[in-house]
Amino acid sequence: MLTVVPLTLTAARRHVHQHHSHLERPQGGLCAVGVADDGQLACVAILSLPRARLLNGKAAEVIRVASDGTRHAASMCLAAI
């Protein structure tokens, strides 16, 4: 059963490093959320300030989502963040 879990940015970056298909772990971030499948972390999403300077302070953007392939984990992660 999938459940939303809070994460530190350090734990989220570690998961991205292990499971993201082609990008390195991000440098910054505001917060992170994860989805666990029966207690095992399956997916993470990291939220950060936007790169577009005009939007800075007015919006936030998801800079990474990394999943181990568990069905619906990425969608649940994005909905939670």
Protein backbone atom coordinates (compact mmCIF):
# COMPACT_ATOMS: atom_id res chain seq x y z
CA MET A 1 0.00 0.00 0.00
CA LEU A 2 1.38 3.41 -0.97
CA THR A 3 1.71 6.06 1.73
CA VAL A 4 3.06 9.61 1.70
CA VAL A 5 6.06 10.13 4.00
CA PRO A 6 8.01 13.26 4.97
CA LEU A 7 11.67 13.36 3.93
CA THR A 8 14.73 15.45 4.55
CA LEU A 9 16.37 16.97 1.50
CA THR A 10 19.43 14.83 2.15
CA ALA A 11 17.42 11.61 2.01
CA ALA A 12 15.60 12.80 -1.11
CA ARG A 13 18.85 13.69 -2.87
CA ARG A 14 20.26 10.26 -2.02
CA HIS A 15 17.20 8.58 -3.56
CA VAL A 16 17.51 10.76 -6.69
CA HIS A 17 21.16 9.79 -7.03
CA GLN A 18 20.24 6.09 -6.86
CA HIS A 19 17.09 6.06 -9.00
CA HIS A 20 16.95 9.01 -11.42
CA SER A 21 17.48 7.94 -15.00
CA HIS A 22 19.80 10.69 -16.26
CA LEU A 23 20.11 13.74 -13.99
CA GLU A 24 22.33 14.26 -10.99
CA ARG A 25 20.96 15.12 -7.58
CA PRO A 26 19.94 18.79 -7.30
CA GLN A 27 21.97 21.32 -5.31
CA GLY A 28 19.15 23.20 -3.58
CA GLY A 29 15.59 22.68 -2.52
CA LEU A 30 12.86 23.94 -0.25
CA CYS A 31 11.26 20.68 0.84
CA ALA A 32 10.84 17.07 -0.19
CA VAL A 33 8.18 14.41 0.06
CA GLY A 34 8.30 10.70 -0.52
CA VAL A 35 6.00 7.79 -1.19
CA ALA A 36 6.66 4.48 0.50
CA ASP A 37 5.38 1.10 -0.64
CA ASP A 38 4.99 -1.16 2.40
CA GLY A 39 7.61 0.83 4.30
CA GLN A 40 10.16 0.92 1.46
CA LEU A 41 10.79 4.34 -0.15
CA ALA A 42 9.58 4.14 -3.76
CA CYS A 43 9.54 7.73 -5.02
CA VAL A 44 10.62 11.25 -4.04
CA ALA A 45 9.81 14.75 -5.26
CA ILE A 46 11.89 17.84 -4.47
CA LEU A 47 10.42 21.35 -4.52
CA SER A 48 12.58 24.43 -5.14
CA LEU A 49 12.46 28.07 -6.16
CA PRO A 50 11.98 28.55 -9.91
CA ARG A 51 14.96 29.27 -12.11
CA ALA A 52 13.08 32.08 -13.88
CA ARG A 53 13.97 35.18 -11.89
CA LEU A 54 10.68 36.91 -12.66
CA LEU A 55 8.79 34.13 -10.84
CA ASN A 56 11.08 34.05 -7.82
CA GLY A 57 9.04 34.60 -4.66
CA LYS A 58 5.76 34.05 -6.51
CA ALA A 59 5.95 30.36 -7.31
CA ALA A 60 7.79 27.12 -6.68
CA GLU A 61 8.68 24.28 -9.00
CA VAL A 62 9.29 20.57 -8.70
CA ILE A 63 12.91 20.14 -9.73
CA ARG A 64 13.20 16.34 -9.45
CA VAL A 65 10.98 13.30 -9.26
CA ALA A 66 12.72 9.95 -8.95
CA SER A 67 10.96 6.62 -8.71
CA ASP A 68 12.02 3.01 -8.53
CA GLY A 69 9.23 2.15 -10.99
CA THR A 70 6.44 1.46 -8.51
CA ARG A 71 3.09 2.05 -10.23
CA HIS A 72 1.37 5.35 -9.35
CA ALA A 73 4.12 6.39 -6.90
CA ALA A 74 5.20 9.41 -8.96
CA SER A 75 1.63 10.65 -9.35
CA MET A 76 1.03 10.32 -5.62
CA CYS A 77 4.29 12.15 -4.88
CA LEU A 78 3.38 15.06 -7.15
CA ALA A 79 -0.11 15.27 -5.66
CA ALA A 80 1.36 15.41 -2.16
CA ILE A 81 3.85 18.15 -2.83
